[in-house]
Amino acid sequence: TLSCAASGFPFSWYTIRWYRQAPDKQRELVEGIGSGY
């Protein structure tokens, strides 16, 4: 289980996404969750 802890901005307004990037590959969107869940 990965965690992403945020501070310094209105977190609940933001869409939060997890990306991953392997060496020599493009960054890939894994999952995202919007302000409306």
Full PDB file with SEQRES, HELIX, SHEET, SSBOND, CRYST1, ORIGX, SCALE, CONECT and MASTER records, all heavy atoms in Angstrom:
SEQRES   1 A   37  THR LEU SER CYS ALA ALA SER GLY PHE PRO PHE SER TRP          
SEQRES   2 A   37  TYR THR ILE ARG TRP TYR ARG GLN ALA PRO ASP LYS GLN          
SEQRES   3 A   37  ARG GLU LEU VAL GLU GLY ILE GLY SER GLY TYR                  
HELIX    1 AA1 PHE A   11  TRP A   13  5                                   3    
SHEET    1 AA1 2 ILE A  16  ARG A  20  0                                        
SHEET    2 AA1 2 GLU A  28  ILE A  33 -1                                        
CRYST1    1.000    1.000    1.000  90.00  90.00  90.00 P 1           1          
ORIGX1      1.000000  0.000000  0.000000        0.00000                         
ORIGX2      0.000000  1.000000  0.000000        0.00000                         
ORIGX3      0.000000  0.000000  1.000000        0.00000                         
SCALE1      1.000000  0.000000  0.000000        0.00000                         
SCALE2      0.000000  1.000000  0.000000        0.00000                         
SCALE3      0.000000  0.000000  1.000000        0.00000                         
ATOM      1  N   THR A   1       0.847  -1.186   0.000  1.00  0.00           N  
ATOM      2  CA  THR A   1       0.000   0.000   0.000  1.00  0.00           C  
ATOM      3  C   THR A   1       0.886   1.240   0.000  1.00  0.00           C  
ATOM      4  O   THR A   1       1.692   1.435   0.912  1.00  0.00           O  
ATOM      5  CB  THR A   1      -0.917   0.038   1.229  1.00  0.00           C  
ATOM      6  OG1 THR A   1      -1.757  -1.109   1.240  1.00  0.00           O  
ATOM      7  CG2 THR A   1      -1.800   1.288   1.200  1.00  0.00           C  
ATOM      8  N   LEU A   2       0.751   2.033  -1.034  1.00  0.00           N  
ATOM      9  CA  LEU A   2       1.464   3.299  -1.114  1.00  0.00           C  
ATOM     10  C   LEU A   2       0.602   4.411  -0.529  1.00  0.00           C  
ATOM     11  O   LEU A   2      -0.620   4.386  -0.661  1.00  0.00           O  
ATOM     12  CB  LEU A   2       1.807   3.645  -2.566  1.00  0.00           C  
ATOM     13  CG  LEU A   2       2.594   2.606  -3.354  1.00  0.00           C  
ATOM     14  CD1 LEU A   2       2.919   3.160  -4.751  1.00  0.00           C  
ATOM     15  CD2 LEU A   2       3.846   2.186  -2.633  1.00  0.00           C  
ATOM     16  N   SER A   3       1.273   5.371   0.093  1.00  0.00           N  
ATOM     17  CA  SER A   3       0.593   6.552   0.627  1.00  0.00           C  
ATOM     18  C   SER A   3       1.182   7.806   0.020  1.00  0.00           C  
ATOM     19  O   SER A   3       2.380   7.857  -0.251  1.00  0.00           O  
ATOM     20  CB  SER A   3       0.738   6.617   2.150  1.00  0.00           C  
ATOM     21  OG  SER A   3       0.172   5.505   2.781  1.00  0.00           O  
ATOM     22  N   CYS A   4       0.335   8.780  -0.175  1.00  0.00           N  
ATOM     23  CA  CYS A   4       0.759  10.094  -0.659  1.00  0.00           C  
ATOM     24  C   CYS A   4       0.198  11.125   0.304  1.00  0.00           C  
ATOM     25  O   CYS A   4      -1.014  11.378   0.307  1.00  0.00           O  
ATOM     26  CB  CYS A   4       0.253  10.330  -2.070  1.00  0.00           C  
ATOM     27  SG  CYS A   4       0.517  12.012  -2.683  1.00  0.00           S  
ATOM     28  N   ALA A   5       1.057  11.699   1.116  1.00  0.00           N  
ATOM     29  CA  ALA A   5       0.645  12.683   2.115  1.00  0.00           C  
ATOM     30  C   ALA A   5       0.905  14.083   1.573  1.00  0.00           C  
ATOM     31  O   ALA A   5       2.017  14.381   1.132  1.00  0.00           O  
ATOM     32  CB  ALA A   5       1.408  12.473   3.410  1.00  0.00           C  
ATOM     33  N   ALA A   6      -0.124  14.914   1.610  1.00  0.00           N  
ATOM     34  CA  ALA A   6      -0.042  16.245   1.005  1.00  0.00           C  
ATOM     35  C   ALA A   6      -0.113  17.338   2.058  1.00  0.00           C  
ATOM     36  O   ALA A   6      -0.716  17.162   3.123  1.00  0.00           O  
ATOM     37  CB  ALA A   6      -1.178  16.425   0.000  1.00  0.00           C  
ATOM     38  N   SER A   7       0.496  18.462   1.738  1.00  0.00           N  
ATOM     39  CA  SER A   7       0.408  19.632   2.596  1.00  0.00           C  
ATOM     40  C   SER A   7       0.674  20.879   1.771  1.00  0.00           C  
ATOM     41  O   SER A   7       1.284  20.818   0.694  1.00  0.00           O  
ATOM     42  CB  SER A   7       1.412  19.556   3.748  1.00  0.00           C  
ATOM     43  OG  SER A   7       2.729  19.485   3.259  1.00  0.00           O  
ATOM     44  N   GLY A   8       0.164  22.018   2.253  1.00  0.00           N  
ATOM     45  CA  GLY A   8       0.460  23.285   1.611  1.00  0.00           C  
ATOM     46  C   GLY A   8      -0.500  23.719   0.520  1.00  0.00           C  
ATOM     47  O   GLY A   8      -0.274  24.754  -0.119  1.00  0.00           O  
ATOM     48  N   PHE A   9      -1.562  22.964   0.299  1.00  0.00           N  
ATOM     49  CA  PHE A   9      -2.560  23.345  -0.693  1.00  0.00           C  
ATOM     50  C   PHE A   9      -3.896  22.711  -0.303  1.00  0.00           C  
ATOM     51  O   PHE A   9      -3.930  21.780   0.504  1.00  0.00           O  
ATOM     52  CB  PHE A   9      -2.127  22.933  -2.107  1.00  0.00           C  
ATOM     53  CG  PHE A   9      -1.996  21.448  -2.321  1.00  0.00           C  
ATOM     54  CD1 PHE A   9      -3.038  20.712  -2.862  1.00  0.00           C  
ATOM     55  CD2 PHE A   9      -0.814  20.782  -2.003  1.00  0.00           C  
ATOM     56  CE1 PHE A   9      -2.916  19.343  -3.079  1.00  0.00           C  
ATOM     57  CE2 PHE A   9      -0.678  19.425  -2.209  1.00  0.00           C  
ATOM     58  CZ  PHE A   9      -1.735  18.697  -2.734  1.00  0.00           C  
ATOM     59  N   PRO A  10      -5.000  23.223  -0.861  1.00  0.00           N  
ATOM     60  CA  PRO A  10      -6.330  22.706  -0.484  1.00  0.00           C  
ATOM     61  C   PRO A  10      -6.568  21.316  -1.069  1.00  0.00           C  
ATOM     62  O   PRO A  10      -7.174  21.155  -2.133  1.00  0.00           O  
ATOM     63  CB  PRO A  10      -7.287  23.749  -1.054  1.00  0.00           C  
ATOM     64  CG  PRO A  10      -6.539  24.394  -2.167  1.00  0.00           C  
ATOM     65  CD  PRO A  10      -5.104  24.385  -1.763  1.00  0.00           C  
ATOM     66  N   PHE A  11      -6.122  20.335  -0.367  1.00  0.00           N  
ATOM     67  CA  PHE A  11      -6.059  18.953  -0.848  1.00  0.00           C  
ATOM     68  C   PHE A  11      -7.389  18.456  -1.407  1.00  0.00           C  
ATOM     69  O   PHE A  11      -7.429  17.812  -2.444  1.00  0.00           O  
ATOM     70  CB  PHE A  11      -5.603  18.063   0.300  1.00  0.00           C  
ATOM     71  CG  PHE A  11      -5.542  16.604  -0.015  1.00  0.00           C  
ATOM     72  CD1 PHE A  11      -4.468  16.088  -0.711  1.00  0.00           C  
ATOM     73  CD2 PHE A  11      -6.551  15.747   0.397  1.00  0.00           C  
ATOM     74  CE1 PHE A  11      -4.400  14.734  -1.006  1.00  0.00           C  
ATOM     75  CE2 PHE A  11      -6.501  14.396   0.115  1.00  0.00           C  
ATOM     76  CZ  PHE A  11      -5.415  13.889  -0.591  1.00  0.00           C  
ATOM     77  N   SER A  12      -8.478  18.737  -0.727  1.00  0.00           N  
ATOM     78  CA  SER A  12      -9.768  18.160  -1.125  1.00  0.00           C  
ATOM     79  C   SER A  12     -10.229  18.652  -2.488  1.00  0.00           C  
ATOM     80  O   SER A  12     -11.087  18.031  -3.116  1.00  0.00           O  
ATOM     81  CB  SER A  12     -10.831  18.453  -0.066  1.00  0.00           C  
ATOM     82  OG  SER A  12     -11.046  19.849   0.029  1.00  0.00           O  
ATOM     83  N   TRP A  13      -9.704  19.761  -2.964  1.00  0.00           N  
ATOM     84  CA  TRP A  13     -10.092  20.286  -4.277  1.00  0.00           C  
ATOM     85  C   TRP A  13      -9.376  19.562  -5.414  1.00  0.00           C  
ATOM     86  O   TRP A  13      -9.810  19.642  -6.564  1.00  0.00           O  
ATOM     87  CB  TRP A  13      -9.746  21.772  -4.386  1.00  0.00           C  
ATOM     88  CG  TRP A  13     -10.459  22.657  -3.434  1.00  0.00           C  
ATOM     89  CD1 TRP A  13     -11.382  22.311  -2.489  1.00  0.00           C  
ATOM     90  CD2 TRP A  13     -10.263  24.062  -3.309  1.00  0.00           C  
ATOM     91  NE1 TRP A  13     -11.785  23.426  -1.788  1.00  0.00           N  
ATOM     92  CE2 TRP A  13     -11.117  24.516  -2.276  1.00  0.00           C  
ATOM     93  CE3 TRP A  13      -9.459  24.990  -3.973  1.00  0.00           C  
ATOM     94  CZ2 TRP A  13     -11.170  25.858  -1.895  1.00  0.00           C  
ATOM     95  CZ3 TRP A  13      -9.534  26.326  -3.601  1.00  0.00           C  
ATOM     96  CH2 TRP A  13     -10.386  26.744  -2.564  1.00  0.00           C  
ATOM     97  N   TYR A  14      -8.280  18.914  -5.092  1.00  0.00           N  
ATOM     98  CA  TYR A  14      -7.364  18.425  -6.109  1.00  0.00           C  
ATOM     99  C   TYR A  14      -7.646  16.990  -6.538  1.00  0.00           C  
ATOM    100  O   TYR A  14      -7.985  16.129  -5.711  1.00  0.00           O  
ATOM    101  CB  TYR A  14      -5.927  18.503  -5.601  1.00  0.00           C  
ATOM    102  CG  TYR A  14      -5.298  19.850  -5.757  1.00  0.00           C  
ATOM    103  CD1 TYR A  14      -5.807  20.951  -5.055  1.00  0.00           C  
ATOM    104  CD2 TYR A  14      -4.219  20.047  -6.606  1.00  0.00           C  
ATOM    105  CE1 TYR A  14      -5.240  22.205  -5.207  1.00  0.00           C  
ATOM    106  CE2 TYR A  14      -3.648  21.297  -6.757  1.00  0.00           C  
ATOM    107  CZ  TYR A  14      -4.165  22.373  -6.057  1.00  0.00           C  
ATOM    108  OH  TYR A  14      -3.606  23.603  -6.220  1.00  0.00           O  
ATOM    109  N   THR A  15      -7.479  16.745  -7.831  1.00  0.00           N  
ATOM    110  CA  THR A  15      -7.391  15.383  -8.326  1.00  0.00           C  
ATOM    111  C   THR A  15      -5.985  14.870  -8.021  1.00  0.00           C  
ATOM    112  O   THR A  15      -4.988  15.548  -8.314  1.00  0.00           O  
ATOM    113  CB  THR A  15      -7.648  15.327  -9.836  1.00  0.00           C  
ATOM    114  OG1 THR A  15      -9.018  15.696 -10.082  1.00  0.00           O  
ATOM    115  CG2 THR A  15      -7.391  13.947 -10.387  1.00  0.00           C  
ATOM    116  N   ILE A  16      -5.926  13.699  -7.448  1.00  0.00           N  
ATOM    117  CA  ILE A  16      -4.636  13.090  -7.112  1.00  0.00           C  
ATOM    118  C   ILE A  16      -4.457  11.842  -7.964  1.00  0.00           C  
ATOM    119  O   ILE A  16      -5.372  10.996  -8.034  1.00  0.00           O  
ATOM    120  CB  ILE A  16      -4.555  12.717  -5.622  1.00  0.00           C  
ATOM    121  CG1 ILE A  16      -4.869  13.933  -4.735  1.00  0.00           C  
ATOM    122  CG2 ILE A  16      -3.162  12.148  -5.309  1.00  0.00           C  
ATOM    123  CD1 ILE A  16      -3.885  15.068  -4.839  1.00  0.00           C  
ATOM    124  N   ARG A  17      -3.330  11.757  -8.601  1.00  0.00           N  
ATOM    125  CA  ARG A  17      -3.052  10.631  -9.488  1.00  0.00           C  
ATOM    126  C   ARG A  17      -1.723   9.963  -9.106  1.00  0.00           C  
ATOM    127  O   ARG A  17      -0.785  10.636  -8.670  1.00  0.00           O  
ATOM    128  CB  ARG A  17      -2.990  11.079 -10.941  1.00  0.00           C  
ATOM    129  CG  ARG A  17      -4.293  11.671 -11.472  1.00  0.00           C  
ATOM    130  CD  ARG A  17      -4.159  12.088 -12.927  1.00  0.00           C  
ATOM    131  NE  ARG A  17      -5.424  12.590 -13.482  1.00  0.00           N  
ATOM    132  CZ  ARG A  17      -5.745  13.872 -13.527  1.00  0.00           C  
ATOM    133  NH1 ARG A  17      -4.921  14.790 -13.071  1.00  0.00           N  
ATOM    134  NH2 ARG A  17      -6.902  14.237 -14.040  1.00  0.00           N  
ATOM    135  N   TRP A  18      -1.697   8.681  -9.304  1.00  0.00           N  
ATOM    136  CA  TRP A  18      -0.450   7.923  -9.203  1.00  0.00           C  
ATOM    137  C   TRP A  18       0.040   7.624 -10.618  1.00  0.00           C  
ATOM    138  O   TRP A  18      -0.729   7.138 -11.464  1.00  0.00           O  
ATOM    139  CB  TRP A  18      -0.662   6.611  -8.450  1.00  0.00           C  
ATOM    140  CG  TRP A  18      -0.812   6.768  -6.985  1.00  0.00           C  
ATOM    141  CD1 TRP A  18      -1.982   6.815  -6.278  1.00  0.00           C  
ATOM    142  CD2 TRP A  18       0.239   6.888  -6.021  1.00  0.00           C  
ATOM    143  NE1 TRP A  18      -1.716   6.955  -4.941  1.00  0.00           N  
ATOM    144  CE2 TRP A  18      -0.356   6.997  -4.754  1.00  0.00           C  
ATOM    145  CE3 TRP A  18       1.626   6.892  -6.110  1.00  0.00           C  
ATOM    146  CZ2 TRP A  18       0.381   7.132  -3.587  1.00  0.00           C  
ATOM    147  CZ3 TRP A  18       2.364   7.023  -4.946  1.00  0.00           C  
ATOM    148  CH2 TRP A  18       1.741   7.146  -3.704  1.00  0.00           C  
ATOM    149  N   TYR A  19       1.308   7.931 -10.854  1.00  0.00           N  
ATOM    150  CA  TYR A  19       1.974   7.604 -12.095  1.00  0.00           C  
ATOM    151  C   TYR A  19       3.153   6.682 -11.779  1.00  0.00           C  
ATOM    152  O   TYR A  19       3.627   6.615 -10.637  1.00  0.00           O  
ATOM    153  CB  TYR A  19       2.519   8.868 -12.774  1.00  0.00           C  
ATOM    154  CG  TYR A  19       1.485   9.773 -13.369  1.00  0.00           C  
ATOM    155  CD1 TYR A  19       0.807  10.704 -12.586  1.00  0.00           C  
ATOM    156  CD2 TYR A  19       1.183   9.730 -14.732  1.00  0.00           C  
ATOM    157  CE1 TYR A  19      -0.137  11.550 -13.135  1.00  0.00           C  
ATOM    158  CE2 TYR A  19       0.246  10.581 -15.290  1.00  0.00           C  
ATOM    159  CZ  TYR A  19      -0.413  11.482 -14.486  1.00  0.00           C  
ATOM    160  OH  TYR A  19      -1.345  12.323 -15.037  1.00  0.00           O  
ATOM    161  N   ARG A  20       3.625   6.007 -12.779  1.00  0.00           N  
ATOM    162  CA  ARG A  20       4.864   5.244 -12.650  1.00  0.00           C  
ATOM    163  C   ARG A  20       5.691   5.414 -13.906  1.00  0.00           C  
ATOM    164  O   ARG A  20       5.157   5.656 -14.991  1.00  0.00           O  
ATOM    165  CB  ARG A  20       4.577   3.768 -12.376  1.00  0.00           C  
ATOM    166  CG  ARG A  20       3.819   3.031 -13.458  1.00  0.00           C  
ATOM    167  CD  ARG A  20       3.440   1.637 -12.963  1.00  0.00           C  
ATOM    168  NE  ARG A  20       2.750   0.871 -13.990  1.00  0.00           N  
ATOM    169  CZ  ARG A  20       2.223  -0.331 -13.783  1.00  0.00           C  
ATOM    170  NH1 ARG A  20       2.303  -0.909 -12.582  1.00  0.00           N  
ATOM    171  NH2 ARG A  20       1.620  -0.968 -14.777  1.00  0.00           N  
ATOM    172  N   GLN A  21       6.985   5.292 -13.729  1.00  0.00           N  
ATOM    173  CA  GLN A  21       7.888   5.481 -14.853  1.00  0.00           C  
ATOM    174  C   GLN A  21       9.100   4.591 -14.680  1.00  0.00           C  
ATOM    175  O   GLN A  21       9.887   4.762 -13.742  1.00  0.00           O  
ATOM    176  CB  GLN A  21       8.322   6.945 -14.968  1.00  0.00           C  
ATOM    177  CG  GLN A  21       9.152   7.225 -16.200  1.00  0.00           C  
ATOM    178  CD  GLN A  21       9.370   8.706 -16.432  1.00  0.00           C  
ATOM    179  OE1 GLN A  21       9.231   9.529 -15.526  1.00  0.00           O  
ATOM    180  NE2 GLN A  21       9.694   9.070 -17.666  1.00  0.00           N  
ATOM    181  N   ALA A  22       9.248   3.676 -15.599  1.00  0.00           N  
ATOM    182  CA  ALA A  22      10.422   2.817 -15.633  1.00  0.00           C  
ATOM    183  C   ALA A  22      11.508   3.504 -16.458  1.00  0.00           C  
ATOM    184  O   ALA A  22      11.199   4.359 -17.298  1.00  0.00           O  
ATOM    185  CB  ALA A  22      10.053   1.471 -16.236  1.00  0.00           C  
ATOM    186  N   PRO A  23      12.765   3.117 -16.240  1.00  0.00           N  
ATOM    187  CA  PRO A  23      13.851   3.711 -17.020  1.00  0.00           C  
ATOM    188  C   PRO A  23      13.616   3.556 -18.526  1.00  0.00           C  
ATOM    189  O   PRO A  23      13.160   2.503 -18.979  1.00  0.00           O  
ATOM    190  CB  PRO A  23      15.074   2.918 -16.570  1.00  0.00           C  
ATOM    191  CG  PRO A  23      14.739   2.460 -15.196  1.00  0.00           C  
ATOM    192  CD  PRO A  23      13.263   2.184 -15.227  1.00  0.00           C  
ATOM    193  N   ASP A  24      13.833   4.599 -19.250  1.00  0.00           N  
ATOM    194  CA  ASP A  24      13.708   4.606 -20.711  1.00  0.00           C  
ATOM    195  C   ASP A  24      12.279   4.379 -21.193  1.00  0.00           C  
ATOM    196  O   ASP A  24      12.072   3.991 -22.351  1.00  0.00           O  
ATOM    197  CB  ASP A  24      14.642   3.559 -21.348  1.00  0.00           C  
ATOM    198  CG  ASP A  24      16.101   3.814 -21.012  1.00  0.00           C  
ATOM    199  OD1 ASP A  24      16.483   4.999 -20.942  1.00  0.00           O  
ATOM    200  OD2 ASP A  24      16.839   2.841 -20.808  1.00  0.00           O  
ATOM    201  N   LYS A  25      11.318   4.615 -20.325  1.00  0.00           N  
ATOM    202  CA  LYS A  25       9.913   4.484 -20.720  1.00  0.00           C  
ATOM    203  C   LYS A  25       9.156   5.755 -20.363  1.00  0.00           C  
ATOM    204  O   LYS A  25       9.571   6.520 -19.494  1.00  0.00           O  
ATOM    205  CB  LYS A  25       9.263   3.273 -20.054  1.00  0.00           C  
ATOM    206  CG  LYS A  25       9.771   1.944 -20.560  1.00  0.00           C  
ATOM    207  CD  LYS A  25       8.926   0.800 -20.030  1.00  0.00           C  
ATOM    208  CE  LYS A  25       9.379  -0.525 -20.603  1.00  0.00           C  
ATOM    209  NZ  LYS A  25       8.561  -1.656 -20.116  1.00  0.00           N  
ATOM    210  N   GLN A  26       8.023   5.957 -21.033  1.00  0.00           N  
ATOM    211  CA  GLN A  26       7.202   7.119 -20.737  1.00  0.00           C  
ATOM    212  C   GLN A  26       6.494   6.946 -19.389  1.00  0.00           C  
ATOM    213  O   GLN A  26       6.208   5.826 -18.966  1.00  0.00           O  
ATOM    214  CB  GLN A  26       6.157   7.319 -21.841  1.00  0.00           C  
ATOM    215  CG  GLN A  26       6.727   7.884 -23.132  1.00  0.00           C  
ATOM    216  CD  GLN A  26       5.640   8.301 -24.097  1.00  0.00           C  
ATOM    217  OE1 GLN A  26       4.566   7.715 -24.126  1.00  0.00           O  
ATOM    218  NE2 GLN A  26       5.911   9.339 -24.871  1.00  0.00           N  
ATOM    219  N   ARG A  27       6.216   8.075 -18.760  1.00  0.00           N  
ATOM    220  CA  ARG A  27       5.456   8.039 -17.522  1.00  0.00           C  
ATOM    221  C   ARG A  27       4.048   7.540 -17.821  1.00  0.00           C  
ATOM    222  O   ARG A  27       3.412   7.985 -18.776  1.00  0.00           O  
ATOM    223  CB  ARG A  27       5.431   9.429 -16.893  1.00  0.00           C  
ATOM    224  CG  ARG A  27       4.819   9.479 -15.507  1.00  0.00           C  
ATOM    225  CD  ARG A  27       5.121  10.796 -14.837  1.00  0.00           C  
ATOM    226  NE  ARG A  27       6.540  10.912 -14.501  1.00  0.00           N  
ATOM    227  CZ  ARG A  27       7.065  11.944 -13.870  1.00  0.00           C  
ATOM    228  NH1 ARG A  27       6.295  12.969 -13.514  1.00  0.00           N  
ATOM    229  NH2 ARG A  27       8.358  11.996 -13.602  1.00  0.00           N  
ATOM    230  N   GLU A  28       3.559   6.647 -16.993  1.00  0.00           N  
ATOM    231  CA  GLU A  28       2.265   5.993 -17.207  1.00  0.00           C  
ATOM    232  C   GLU A  28       1.324   6.327 -16.060  1.00  0.00           C  
ATOM    233  O   GLU A  28       1.690   6.202 -14.885  1.00  0.00           O  
ATOM    234  CB  GLU A  28       2.461   4.470 -17.282  1.00  0.00           C  
ATOM    235  CG  GLU A  28       1.179   3.669 -17.335  1.00  0.00           C  
ATOM    236  CD  GLU A  28       1.404   2.177 -17.156  1.00  0.00           C  
ATOM    237  OE1 GLU A  28       2.454   1.794 -16.614  1.00  0.00           O  
ATOM    238  OE2 GLU A  28       0.512   1.403 -17.549  1.00  0.00           O  
ATOM    239  N   LEU A  29       0.103   6.737 -16.396  1.00  0.00           N  
ATOM    240  CA  LEU A  29      -0.913   6.937 -15.374  1.00  0.00           C  
ATOM    241  C   LEU A  29      -1.358   5.587 -14.838  1.00  0.00           C  
ATOM    242  O   LEU A  29      -1.705   4.696 -15.604  1.00  0.00           O  
ATOM    243  CB  LEU A  29      -2.109   7.686 -15.956  1.00  0.00           C  
ATOM    244  CG  LEU A  29      -3.332   7.811 -15.040  1.00  0.00           C  
ATOM    245  CD1 LEU A  29      -3.016   8.652 -13.812  1.00  0.00           C  
ATOM    246  CD2 LEU A  29      -4.509   8.403 -15.810  1.00  0.00           C  
ATOM    247  N   VAL A  30      -1.339   5.440 -13.532  1.00  0.00           N  
ATOM    248  CA  VAL A  30      -1.755   4.193 -12.896  1.00  0.00           C  
ATOM    249  C   VAL A  30      -3.208   4.295 -12.443  1.00  0.00           C  
ATOM    250  O   VAL A  30      -4.058   3.531 -12.878  1.00  0.00           O  
ATOM    251  CB  VAL A  30      -0.841   3.856 -11.698  1.00  0.00           C  
ATOM    252  CG1 VAL A  30      -1.302   2.562 -11.028  1.00  0.00           C  
ATOM    253  CG2 VAL A  30       0.598   3.748 -12.147  1.00  0.00           C  
ATOM    254  N   GLU A  31      -3.466   5.235 -11.549  1.00  0.00           N  
ATOM    255  CA  GLU A  31      -4.829   5.461 -11.061  1.00  0.00           C  
ATOM    256  C   GLU A  31      -4.951   6.905 -10.620  1.00  0.00           C  
ATOM    257  O   GLU A  31      -3.980   7.536 -10.248  1.00  0.00           O  
ATOM    258  CB  GLU A  31      -5.153   4.551  -9.864  1.00  0.00           C  
ATOM    259  CG  GLU A  31      -5.276   3.097 -10.197  1.00  0.00           C  
ATOM    260  CD  GLU A  31      -6.432   2.404  -9.472  1.00  0.00           C  
ATOM    261  OE1 GLU A  31      -7.342   3.081  -8.981  1.00  0.00           O  
ATOM    262  OE2 GLU A  31      -6.390   1.175  -9.399  1.00  0.00           O  
ATOM    263  N   GLY A  32      -6.177   7.410 -10.667  1.00  0.00           N  
ATOM    264  CA  GLY A  32      -6.444   8.757 -10.203  1.00  0.00           C  
ATOM    265  C   GLY A  32      -7.766   8.814  -9.461  1.00  0.00           C  
ATOM    266  O   GLY A  32      -8.651   7.981  -9.685  1.00  0.00           O  
ATOM    267  N   ILE A  33      -7.876   9.808  -8.571  1.00  0.00           N  
ATOM    268  CA  ILE A  33      -9.122  10.004  -7.834  1.00  0.00           C  
ATOM    269  C   ILE A  33      -9.399  11.492  -7.769  1.00  0.00           C  
ATOM    270  O   ILE A  33      -8.524  12.287  -7.381  1.00  0.00           O  
ATOM    271  CB  ILE A  33      -9.059   9.353  -6.441  1.00  0.00           C  
ATOM    272  CG1 ILE A  33     -10.413   9.446  -5.742  1.00  0.00           C  
ATOM    273  CG2 ILE A  33      -7.945   9.938  -5.586  1.00  0.00           C  
ATOM    274  CD1 ILE A  33     -10.533   8.521  -4.523  1.00  0.00           C  
ATOM    275  N   GLY A  34     -10.609  11.872  -8.167  1.00  0.00           N  
ATOM    276  CA  GLY A  34     -10.969  13.273  -8.199  1.00  0.00           C  
ATOM    277  C   GLY A  34     -11.524  13.772  -6.877  1.00  0.00           C  
ATOM    278  O   GLY A  34     -11.679  13.017  -5.918  1.00  0.00           O  
ATOM    279  N   SER A  35     -11.844  15.057  -6.866  1.00  0.00           N  
ATOM    280  CA  SER A  35     -12.402  15.654  -5.657  1.00  0.00           C  
ATOM    281  C   SER A  35     -13.755  15.059  -5.299  1.00  0.00           C  
ATOM    282  O   SER A  35     -14.146  15.062  -4.135  1.00  0.00           O  
ATOM    283  CB  SER A  35     -12.518  17.171  -5.827  1.00  0.00           C  
ATOM    284  OG  SER A  35     -13.337  17.472  -6.946  1.00  0.00           O  
ATOM    285  N   GLY A  36     -14.447  14.527  -6.295  1.00  0.00           N  
ATOM    286  CA  GLY A  36     -15.728  13.870  -6.058  1.00  0.00           C  
ATOM    287  C   GLY A  36     -15.596  12.370  -5.892  1.00  0.00           C  
ATOM    288  O   GLY A  36     -16.596  11.659  -5.968  1.00  0.00           O  
ATOM    289  N   TYR A  37     -14.382  11.910  -5.657  1.00  0.00           N  
ATOM    290  CA  TYR A  37     -14.076  10.487  -5.443  1.00  0.00           C  
ATOM    291  C   TYR A  37     -14.275   9.644  -6.708  1.00  0.00           C  
ATOM    292  O   TYR A  37     -14.320   8.407  -6.622  1.00  0.00           O  
ATOM    293  CB  TYR A  37     -14.882   9.904  -4.276  1.00  0.00           C  
ATOM    294  CG  TYR A  37     -14.544  10.539  -2.949  1.00  0.00           C  
ATOM    295  CD1 TYR A  37     -15.177  11.700  -2.529  1.00  0.00           C  
ATOM    296  CD2 TYR A  37     -13.565   9.985  -2.122  1.00  0.00           C  
ATOM    297  CE1 TYR A  37     -14.848  12.302  -1.322  1.00  0.00           C  
ATOM    298  CE2 TYR A  37     -13.233  10.574  -0.914  1.00  0.00           C  
ATOM    299  CZ  TYR A  37     -13.872  11.727  -0.519  1.00  0.00           C  
ATOM    300  OH  TYR A  37     -13.546  12.323   0.679  1.00  0.00           O  
TER     301      TYR A  37                                                      
MASTER        0    0    0    1    2    0    0    6  300    1    0    3          
END                                                                             
